[in-house]
N, C-alpha and C. Protein backbone atom coordinates (compact mmCIF):
# COMPACT_ATOMS: atom_id res chain seq x y z
N UNK A 1 15.31 -33.01 4.74
CA UNK A 1 14.10 -33.01 5.55
C UNK A 1 12.90 -32.70 4.64
N UNK A 2 11.84 -33.49 4.75
CA UNK A 2 10.66 -33.31 3.90
C UNK A 2 9.77 -32.19 4.43
N UNK A 3 8.84 -31.77 3.60
CA UNK A 3 7.88 -30.74 4.00
C UNK A 3 7.03 -31.23 5.16
N UNK A 4 6.65 -32.51 5.12
CA UNK A 4 5.85 -33.06 6.22
C UNK A 4 6.63 -33.01 7.53
N UNK A 5 7.94 -33.32 7.48
CA UNK A 5 8.77 -33.25 8.69
C UNK A 5 8.82 -31.83 9.23
N UNK A 6 8.95 -30.86 8.34
CA UNK A 6 8.99 -29.45 8.76
C UNK A 6 7.66 -29.02 9.36
N UNK A 7 6.57 -29.51 8.77
CA UNK A 7 5.24 -29.18 9.29
C UNK A 7 5.07 -29.73 10.70
N UNK A 8 5.44 -30.97 10.91
CA UNK A 8 5.32 -31.59 12.23
C UNK A 8 6.21 -30.87 13.24
N UNK A 9 7.40 -30.47 12.82
CA UNK A 9 8.32 -29.74 13.70
C UNK A 9 7.70 -28.42 14.14
N UNK A 10 7.08 -27.70 13.19
CA UNK A 10 6.42 -26.44 13.52
C UNK A 10 5.24 -26.67 14.46
N UNK A 11 4.46 -27.72 14.21
CA UNK A 11 3.33 -28.02 15.08
C UNK A 11 3.79 -28.34 16.50
N UNK A 12 4.87 -29.09 16.63
CA UNK A 12 5.39 -29.41 17.97
C UNK A 12 5.74 -28.14 18.74
N UNK A 13 6.34 -27.17 18.04
CA UNK A 13 6.70 -25.91 18.69
C UNK A 13 5.48 -25.07 19.02
N UNK A 14 4.36 -25.33 18.36
CA UNK A 14 3.16 -24.52 18.54
C UNK A 14 2.19 -25.07 19.58
N UNK A 15 2.50 -26.23 20.16
CA UNK A 15 1.61 -26.80 21.18
C UNK A 15 1.46 -25.81 22.34
N UNK A 16 0.22 -25.61 22.78
CA UNK A 16 -0.14 -24.70 23.86
C UNK A 16 0.15 -23.24 23.53
N UNK A 17 0.22 -22.93 22.24
CA UNK A 17 0.41 -21.55 21.80
C UNK A 17 -0.71 -21.20 20.82
N UNK A 18 -1.00 -19.91 20.68
CA UNK A 18 -2.05 -19.50 19.73
C UNK A 18 -1.63 -19.72 18.28
N UNK A 19 -2.58 -20.20 17.48
CA UNK A 19 -2.36 -20.38 16.05
C UNK A 19 -3.57 -19.83 15.29
N UNK A 20 -3.35 -19.55 14.03
CA UNK A 20 -4.43 -19.16 13.13
C UNK A 20 -4.52 -20.25 12.07
N UNK A 21 -5.72 -20.73 11.83
CA UNK A 21 -5.94 -21.82 10.86
C UNK A 21 -6.95 -21.35 9.82
N UNK A 22 -6.57 -21.45 8.55
CA UNK A 22 -7.50 -21.17 7.46
C UNK A 22 -8.02 -22.51 6.97
N UNK A 23 -9.34 -22.61 6.83
CA UNK A 23 -9.96 -23.86 6.40
C UNK A 23 -10.66 -23.65 5.05
N UNK A 24 -11.03 -24.76 4.43
CA UNK A 24 -11.75 -24.68 3.16
C UNK A 24 -12.98 -23.80 3.33
N UNK A 25 -13.32 -23.09 2.29
CA UNK A 25 -14.46 -22.18 2.35
C UNK A 25 -14.04 -20.77 2.76
N UNK A 26 -12.75 -20.58 3.05
CA UNK A 26 -12.24 -19.26 3.37
C UNK A 26 -12.39 -18.83 4.81
N UNK A 27 -12.92 -19.68 5.67
CA UNK A 27 -13.08 -19.33 7.08
C UNK A 27 -11.72 -19.36 7.78
N UNK A 28 -11.57 -18.52 8.81
CA UNK A 28 -10.33 -18.46 9.59
C UNK A 28 -10.69 -18.66 11.05
N UNK A 29 -9.92 -19.53 11.71
CA UNK A 29 -10.14 -19.84 13.12
C UNK A 29 -8.86 -19.54 13.88
N UNK A 30 -9.01 -18.89 15.03
CA UNK A 30 -7.87 -18.61 15.89
C UNK A 30 -8.11 -19.34 17.21
N UNK A 31 -7.07 -20.01 17.73
CA UNK A 31 -7.20 -20.71 19.00
C UNK A 31 -5.86 -21.23 19.46
N UNK A 32 -5.87 -21.89 20.59
CA UNK A 32 -4.66 -22.46 21.18
C UNK A 32 -4.57 -23.92 20.75
N UNK A 33 -3.45 -24.28 20.13
CA UNK A 33 -3.25 -25.65 19.65
C UNK A 33 -3.00 -26.58 20.83
N UNK A 34 -3.89 -27.55 20.99
CA UNK A 34 -3.77 -28.52 22.08
C UNK A 34 -3.12 -29.80 21.58
N UNK A 35 -3.44 -30.21 20.35
CA UNK A 35 -2.88 -31.45 19.82
C UNK A 35 -3.10 -31.57 18.33
N UNK A 36 -2.46 -32.58 17.75
CA UNK A 36 -2.54 -32.84 16.32
C UNK A 36 -2.15 -34.29 16.08
N UNK A 37 -2.37 -34.77 14.85
CA UNK A 37 -1.90 -36.10 14.48
C UNK A 37 -1.25 -36.05 13.10
N UNK A 38 -0.86 -37.20 12.59
CA UNK A 38 -0.15 -37.25 11.30
C UNK A 38 -1.02 -36.85 10.11
N UNK A 39 -2.35 -36.83 10.30
CA UNK A 39 -3.27 -36.42 9.24
C UNK A 39 -3.54 -34.92 9.29
N UNK A 40 -2.86 -34.22 10.19
CA UNK A 40 -3.05 -32.79 10.45
C UNK A 40 -4.43 -32.47 11.01
N UNK A 41 -5.08 -33.46 11.64
CA UNK A 41 -6.26 -33.14 12.43
C UNK A 41 -5.77 -32.30 13.60
N UNK A 42 -6.46 -31.21 13.88
CA UNK A 42 -6.01 -30.27 14.91
C UNK A 42 -7.06 -30.13 16.00
N UNK A 43 -6.61 -30.11 17.24
CA UNK A 43 -7.49 -29.84 18.38
C UNK A 43 -7.11 -28.48 18.93
N UNK A 44 -8.09 -27.56 18.92
CA UNK A 44 -7.88 -26.21 19.42
C UNK A 44 -8.78 -25.96 20.61
N UNK A 45 -8.29 -25.17 21.57
CA UNK A 45 -9.15 -24.71 22.67
C UNK A 45 -9.21 -23.19 22.59
N UNK A 46 -10.20 -22.61 23.26
CA UNK A 46 -10.42 -21.17 23.24
C UNK A 46 -10.47 -20.65 21.80
N UNK A 47 -11.09 -21.42 20.92
CA UNK A 47 -11.12 -21.09 19.50
C UNK A 47 -12.23 -20.09 19.20
N UNK A 48 -12.01 -19.33 18.13
CA UNK A 48 -13.01 -18.38 17.67
C UNK A 48 -12.93 -18.25 16.16
N UNK A 49 -14.11 -18.09 15.52
CA UNK A 49 -14.16 -17.75 14.11
C UNK A 49 -13.71 -16.31 14.02
N UNK A 50 -12.78 -16.03 13.14
CA UNK A 50 -12.28 -14.67 13.00
C UNK A 50 -13.00 -14.03 11.83
N UNK A 51 -13.87 -13.11 12.16
CA UNK A 51 -14.61 -12.35 11.16
C UNK A 51 -13.92 -10.99 11.03
N UNK A 52 -14.31 -10.21 10.06
CA UNK A 52 -13.66 -8.93 9.85
C UNK A 52 -13.67 -8.06 11.12
N UNK A 53 -14.78 -8.03 11.83
CA UNK A 53 -14.85 -7.19 13.03
C UNK A 53 -15.38 -7.91 14.26
N UNK A 54 -16.14 -8.97 14.05
CA UNK A 54 -16.82 -9.61 15.17
C UNK A 54 -16.43 -11.07 15.32
N UNK A 55 -15.36 -11.39 16.07
CA UNK A 55 -15.02 -12.80 16.29
C UNK A 55 -16.13 -13.50 17.08
N UNK A 56 -16.38 -14.76 16.75
CA UNK A 56 -17.41 -15.55 17.43
C UNK A 56 -16.71 -16.70 18.16
N UNK A 57 -16.84 -16.72 19.49
CA UNK A 57 -16.22 -17.78 20.30
C UNK A 57 -16.90 -19.11 20.02
N UNK A 58 -16.08 -20.16 19.83
CA UNK A 58 -16.64 -21.49 19.63
C UNK A 58 -16.08 -22.49 20.63
N UNK A 59 -15.12 -22.07 21.46
CA UNK A 59 -14.56 -22.94 22.49
C UNK A 59 -13.59 -23.95 21.92
N UNK A 60 -13.76 -25.22 22.28
CA UNK A 60 -12.88 -26.29 21.78
C UNK A 60 -13.43 -26.83 20.47
N UNK A 61 -12.51 -27.15 19.56
CA UNK A 61 -12.92 -27.64 18.25
C UNK A 61 -11.87 -28.61 17.72
N UNK A 62 -12.35 -29.64 17.03
CA UNK A 62 -11.48 -30.59 16.33
C UNK A 62 -11.64 -30.33 14.84
N UNK A 63 -10.54 -29.94 14.19
CA UNK A 63 -10.56 -29.68 12.75
C UNK A 63 -9.97 -30.85 12.02
N UNK A 64 -10.69 -31.37 11.04
CA UNK A 64 -10.16 -32.46 10.21
C UNK A 64 -9.06 -31.92 9.31
N UNK A 65 -7.99 -32.66 9.22
CA UNK A 65 -6.83 -32.24 8.45
C UNK A 65 -7.11 -31.98 6.99
N UNK A 66 -8.10 -32.70 6.41
CA UNK A 66 -8.37 -32.48 4.99
C UNK A 66 -9.11 -31.16 4.73
N UNK A 67 -9.55 -30.49 5.78
CA UNK A 67 -10.17 -29.18 5.64
C UNK A 67 -9.21 -28.04 5.89
N UNK A 68 -8.02 -28.35 6.41
CA UNK A 68 -7.04 -27.33 6.76
C UNK A 68 -6.25 -26.92 5.53
N UNK A 69 -6.21 -25.62 5.27
CA UNK A 69 -5.44 -25.07 4.15
C UNK A 69 -4.12 -24.48 4.65
N UNK A 70 -4.16 -23.80 5.81
CA UNK A 70 -3.01 -23.07 6.30
C UNK A 70 -3.00 -23.07 7.82
N UNK A 71 -1.82 -23.23 8.40
CA UNK A 71 -1.65 -23.12 9.85
C UNK A 71 -0.52 -22.14 10.07
N UNK A 72 -0.77 -21.14 10.94
CA UNK A 72 0.24 -20.12 11.19
C UNK A 72 0.29 -19.79 12.68
N UNK A 73 1.50 -19.65 13.24
CA UNK A 73 1.57 -19.14 14.61
C UNK A 73 1.00 -17.72 14.64
N UNK A 74 0.35 -17.37 15.74
CA UNK A 74 -0.21 -16.01 15.77
C UNK A 74 0.50 -15.15 16.79
């Protein structure tokens, strides 16, 4: 099984569950994974920028896969 297959398997299990996504530039976003595609474009709802102390709500967001560094269940 390839790394891409494992990634897709993990994403399938994470649908409608909270995830943490690290993007280029060091920003971290937490939200509920609504959907994804083969390019790792991610659709999150109830998303927020995770700052050291003050998270900022951003609602729904579409993240381009080429900006995603890390995806983790939360």
